[in-house]
Amino acid sequence: MLKGFVLAGLVLLGAAQLDQYLTRGRYTDGALAMLRQIRHSFRV
């Protein structure tokens, strides 16, 4: 199970790096902004 989490983390890190290289982080920034809004909504 830990191996799966590590693999998933590495894949996400690789996708973020590829996004930074190809689109200057447009999609990574959008995903992080969405996660910030979700986190904010649960901290009522």
PDB file of N, CA and C in Angstrom:
ATOM      1  N   MET A   1       0.819  -1.178   0.000  1.00  0.00           N
ATOM      2  CA  MET A   1       0.000   0.000   0.000  1.00  0.00           C
ATOM      3  C   MET A   1       0.871   1.253   0.000  1.00  0.00           C
ATOM      4  N   LEU A   2       1.926   1.250   0.790  1.00  0.00           N
ATOM      5  CA  LEU A   2       2.833   2.392   0.816  1.00  0.00           C
ATOM      6  C   LEU A   2       3.514   2.575  -0.539  1.00  0.00           C
ATOM      7  N   LYS A   3       3.814   1.465  -1.183  1.00  0.00           N
ATOM      8  CA  LYS A   3       4.430   1.535  -2.515  1.00  0.00           C
ATOM      9  C   LYS A   3       3.488   2.225  -3.503  1.00  0.00           C
ATOM     10  N   GLY A   4       2.196   1.978  -3.399  1.00  0.00           N
ATOM     11  CA  GLY A   4       1.213   2.617  -4.258  1.00  0.00           C
ATOM     12  C   GLY A   4       1.146   4.120  -4.024  1.00  0.00           C
ATOM     13  N   PHE A   5       1.199   4.547  -2.747  1.00  0.00           N
ATOM     14  CA  PHE A   5       1.182   5.971  -2.429  1.00  0.00           C
ATOM     15  C   PHE A   5       2.429   6.672  -2.956  1.00  0.00           C
ATOM     16  N   VAL A   6       3.564   6.013  -2.813  1.00  0.00           N
ATOM     17  CA  VAL A   6       4.810   6.590  -3.310  1.00  0.00           C
ATOM     18  C   VAL A   6       4.771   6.700  -4.831  1.00  0.00           C
ATOM     19  N   LEU A   7       4.298   5.682  -5.479  1.00  0.00           N
ATOM     20  CA  LEU A   7       4.194   5.702  -6.942  1.00  0.00           C
ATOM     21  C   LEU A   7       3.227   6.798  -7.410  1.00  0.00           C
ATOM     22  N   ALA A   8       2.086   6.922  -6.748  1.00  0.00           N
ATOM     23  CA  ALA A   8       1.124   7.963  -7.103  1.00  0.00           C
ATOM     24  C   ALA A   8       1.720   9.353  -6.898  1.00  0.00           C
ATOM     25  N   GLY A   9       2.464   9.531  -5.825  1.00  0.00           N
ATOM     26  CA  GLY A   9       3.116  10.811  -5.566  1.00  0.00           C
ATOM     27  C   GLY A   9       4.147  11.148  -6.625  1.00  0.00           C
ATOM     28  N   LEU A  10       4.910  10.155  -7.046  1.00  0.00           N
ATOM     29  CA  LEU A  10       5.913  10.381  -8.081  1.00  0.00           C
ATOM     30  C   LEU A  10       5.272  10.715  -9.424  1.00  0.00           C
ATOM     31  N   VAL A  11       4.168  10.051  -9.733  1.00  0.00           N
ATOM     32  CA  VAL A  11       3.459  10.340 -10.980  1.00  0.00           C
ATOM     33  C   VAL A  11       2.911  11.762 -10.958  1.00  0.00           C
ATOM     34  N   LEU A  12       2.317  12.170  -9.831  1.00  0.00           N
ATOM     35  CA  LEU A  12       1.799  13.537  -9.724  1.00  0.00           C
ATOM     36  C   LEU A  12       2.912  14.570  -9.785  1.00  0.00           C
ATOM     37  N   LEU A  13       4.027  14.278  -9.170  1.00  0.00           N
ATOM     38  CA  LEU A  13       5.171  15.184  -9.232  1.00  0.00           C
ATOM     39  C   LEU A  13       5.692  15.296 -10.652  1.00  0.00           C
ATOM     40  N   GLY A  14       5.769  14.192 -11.353  1.00  0.00           N
ATOM     41  CA  GLY A  14       6.206  14.205 -12.746  1.00  0.00           C
ATOM     42  C   GLY A  14       5.241  14.978 -13.637  1.00  0.00           C
ATOM     43  N   ALA A  15       3.942  14.803 -13.397  1.00  0.00           N
ATOM     44  CA  ALA A  15       2.947  15.537 -14.183  1.00  0.00           C
ATOM     45  C   ALA A  15       3.038  17.029 -13.917  1.00  0.00           C
ATOM     46  N   ALA A  16       3.279  17.412 -12.674  1.00  0.00           N
ATOM     47  CA  ALA A  16       3.419  18.837 -12.349  1.00  0.00           C
ATOM     48  C   ALA A  16       4.664  19.423 -13.010  1.00  0.00           C
ATOM     49  N   GLN A  17       5.750  18.669 -13.017  1.00  0.00           N
ATOM     50  CA  GLN A  17       6.973  19.150 -13.658  1.00  0.00           C
ATOM     51  C   GLN A  17       6.789  19.290 -15.163  1.00  0.00           C
ATOM     52  N   LEU A  18       6.102  18.340 -15.758  1.00  0.00           N
ATOM     53  CA  LEU A  18       5.831  18.405 -17.190  1.00  0.00           C
ATOM     54  C   LEU A  18       4.930  19.600 -17.515  1.00  0.00           C
ATOM     55  N   ASP A  19       3.960  19.855 -16.653  1.00  0.00           N
ATOM     56  CA  ASP A  19       3.086  21.015 -16.834  1.00  0.00           C
ATOM     57  C   ASP A  19       3.896  22.308 -16.731  1.00  0.00           C
ATOM     58  N   GLN A  20       4.803  22.380 -15.790  1.00  0.00           N
ATOM     59  CA  GLN A  20       5.645  23.574 -15.657  1.00  0.00           C
ATOM     60  C   GLN A  20       6.473  23.782 -16.920  1.00  0.00           C
ATOM     61  N   TYR A  21       6.967  22.715 -17.472  1.00  0.00           N
ATOM     62  CA  TYR A  21       7.820  22.807 -18.654  1.00  0.00           C
ATOM     63  C   TYR A  21       7.029  23.162 -19.913  1.00  0.00           C
ATOM     64  N   LEU A  22       5.867  22.547 -20.097  1.00  0.00           N
ATOM     65  CA  LEU A  22       5.122  22.718 -21.343  1.00  0.00           C
ATOM     66  C   LEU A  22       4.189  23.925 -21.357  1.00  0.00           C
ATOM     67  N   THR A  23       3.507  24.190 -20.233  1.00  0.00           N
ATOM     68  CA  THR A  23       2.496  25.247 -20.221  1.00  0.00           C
ATOM     69  C   THR A  23       2.750  26.299 -19.154  1.00  0.00           C
ATOM     70  N   ARG A  24       3.960  26.344 -18.654  1.00  0.00           N
ATOM     71  CA  ARG A  24       4.358  27.306 -17.612  1.00  0.00           C
ATOM     72  C   ARG A  24       3.485  27.206 -16.367  1.00  0.00           C
ATOM     73  N   GLY A  25       3.009  26.014 -16.065  1.00  0.00           N
ATOM     74  CA  GLY A  25       2.286  25.740 -14.829  1.00  0.00           C
ATOM     75  C   GLY A  25       0.839  26.165 -14.795  1.00  0.00           C
ATOM     76  N   ARG A  26       0.245  26.385 -15.936  1.00  0.00           N
ATOM     77  CA  ARG A  26      -1.151  26.847 -15.974  1.00  0.00           C
ATOM     78  C   ARG A  26      -2.082  25.864 -15.279  1.00  0.00           C
ATOM     79  N   TYR A  27      -1.965  24.598 -15.578  1.00  0.00           N
ATOM     80  CA  TYR A  27      -2.886  23.608 -15.027  1.00  0.00           C
ATOM     81  C   TYR A  27      -2.545  23.280 -13.571  1.00  0.00           C
ATOM     82  N   THR A  28      -1.271  23.277 -13.231  1.00  0.00           N
ATOM     83  CA  THR A  28      -0.874  23.047 -11.846  1.00  0.00           C
ATOM     84  C   THR A  28      -1.384  24.170 -10.961  1.00  0.00           C
ATOM     85  N   ASP A  29      -1.243  25.413 -11.412  1.00  0.00           N
ATOM     86  CA  ASP A  29      -1.727  26.544 -10.627  1.00  0.00           C
ATOM     87  C   ASP A  29      -3.242  26.487 -10.458  1.00  0.00           C
ATOM     88  N   GLY A  30      -3.943  26.110 -11.498  1.00  0.00           N
ATOM     89  CA  GLY A  30      -5.398  25.982 -11.411  1.00  0.00           C
ATOM     90  C   GLY A  30      -5.819  24.887 -10.442  1.00  0.00           C
ATOM     91  N   ALA A  31      -5.131  23.768 -10.492  1.00  0.00           N
ATOM     92  CA  ALA A  31      -5.465  22.659  -9.586  1.00  0.00           C
ATOM     93  C   ALA A  31      -5.176  23.032  -8.139  1.00  0.00           C
ATOM     94  N   LEU A  32      -4.077  23.732  -7.895  1.00  0.00           N
ATOM     95  CA  LEU A  32      -3.755  24.149  -6.528  1.00  0.00           C
ATOM     96  C   LEU A  32      -4.744  25.190  -6.020  1.00  0.00           C
ATOM     97  N   ALA A  33      -5.178  26.095  -6.886  1.00  0.00           N
ATOM     98  CA  ALA A  33      -6.191  27.080  -6.485  1.00  0.00           C
ATOM     99  C   ALA A  33      -7.499  26.379  -6.139  1.00  0.00           C
ATOM    100  N   MET A  34      -7.865  25.358  -6.909  1.00  0.00           N
ATOM    101  CA  MET A  34      -9.082  24.616  -6.629  1.00  0.00           C
ATOM    102  C   MET A  34      -8.964  23.878  -5.295  1.00  0.00           C
ATOM    103  N   LEU A  35      -7.815  23.291  -5.023  1.00  0.00           N
ATOM    104  CA  LEU A  35      -7.624  22.601  -3.747  1.00  0.00           C
ATOM    105  C   LEU A  35      -7.661  23.577  -2.574  1.00  0.00           C
ATOM    106  N   ARG A  36      -7.128  24.788  -2.747  1.00  0.00           N
ATOM    107  CA  ARG A  36      -7.204  25.800  -1.693  1.00  0.00           C
ATOM    108  C   ARG A  36      -8.659  26.174  -1.412  1.00  0.00           C
ATOM    109  N   GLN A  37      -9.473  26.298  -2.456  1.00  0.00           N
ATOM    110  CA  GLN A  37     -10.877  26.641  -2.261  1.00  0.00           C
ATOM    111  C   GLN A  37     -11.636  25.504  -1.570  1.00  0.00           C
ATOM    112  N   ILE A  38     -11.323  24.271  -1.928  1.00  0.00           N
ATOM    113  CA  ILE A  38     -11.961  23.121  -1.281  1.00  0.00           C
ATOM    114  C   ILE A  38     -11.578  23.080   0.194  1.00  0.00           C
ATOM    115  N   ARG A  39     -10.295  23.293   0.477  1.00  0.00           N
ATOM    116  CA  ARG A  39      -9.836  23.294   1.870  1.00  0.00           C
ATOM    117  C   ARG A  39     -10.504  24.416   2.648  1.00  0.00           C
ATOM    118  N   HIS A  40     -10.629  25.589   2.035  1.00  0.00           N
ATOM    119  CA  HIS A  40     -11.264  26.723   2.680  1.00  0.00           C
ATOM    120  C   HIS A  40     -12.731  26.436   2.977  1.00  0.00           C
ATOM    121  N   SER A  41     -13.413  25.756   2.088  1.00  0.00           N
ATOM    122  CA  SER A  41     -14.834  25.486   2.282  1.00  0.00           C
ATOM    123  C   SER A  41     -15.069  24.506   3.432  1.00  0.00           C
ATOM    124  N   PHE A  42     -14.140  23.642   3.750  1.00  0.00           N
ATOM    125  CA  PHE A  42     -14.312  22.711   4.847  1.00  0.00           C
ATOM    126  C   PHE A  42     -13.893  23.290   6.192  1.00  0.00           C
ATOM    127  N   ARG A  43     -13.243  24.450   6.191  1.00  0.00           N
ATOM    128  CA  ARG A  43     -12.832  25.087   7.444  1.00  0.00           C
ATOM    129  C   ARG A  43     -13.854  26.114   7.888  1.00  0.00           C
ATOM    130  N   VAL A  44     -15.098  25.786   7.849  1.00  0.00           N
ATOM    131  CA  VAL A  44     -16.196  26.701   8.144  1.00  0.00           C
ATOM    132  C   VAL A  44     -16.071  27.290   9.493  1.00  0.00           C
TER     133      VAL A  44
END
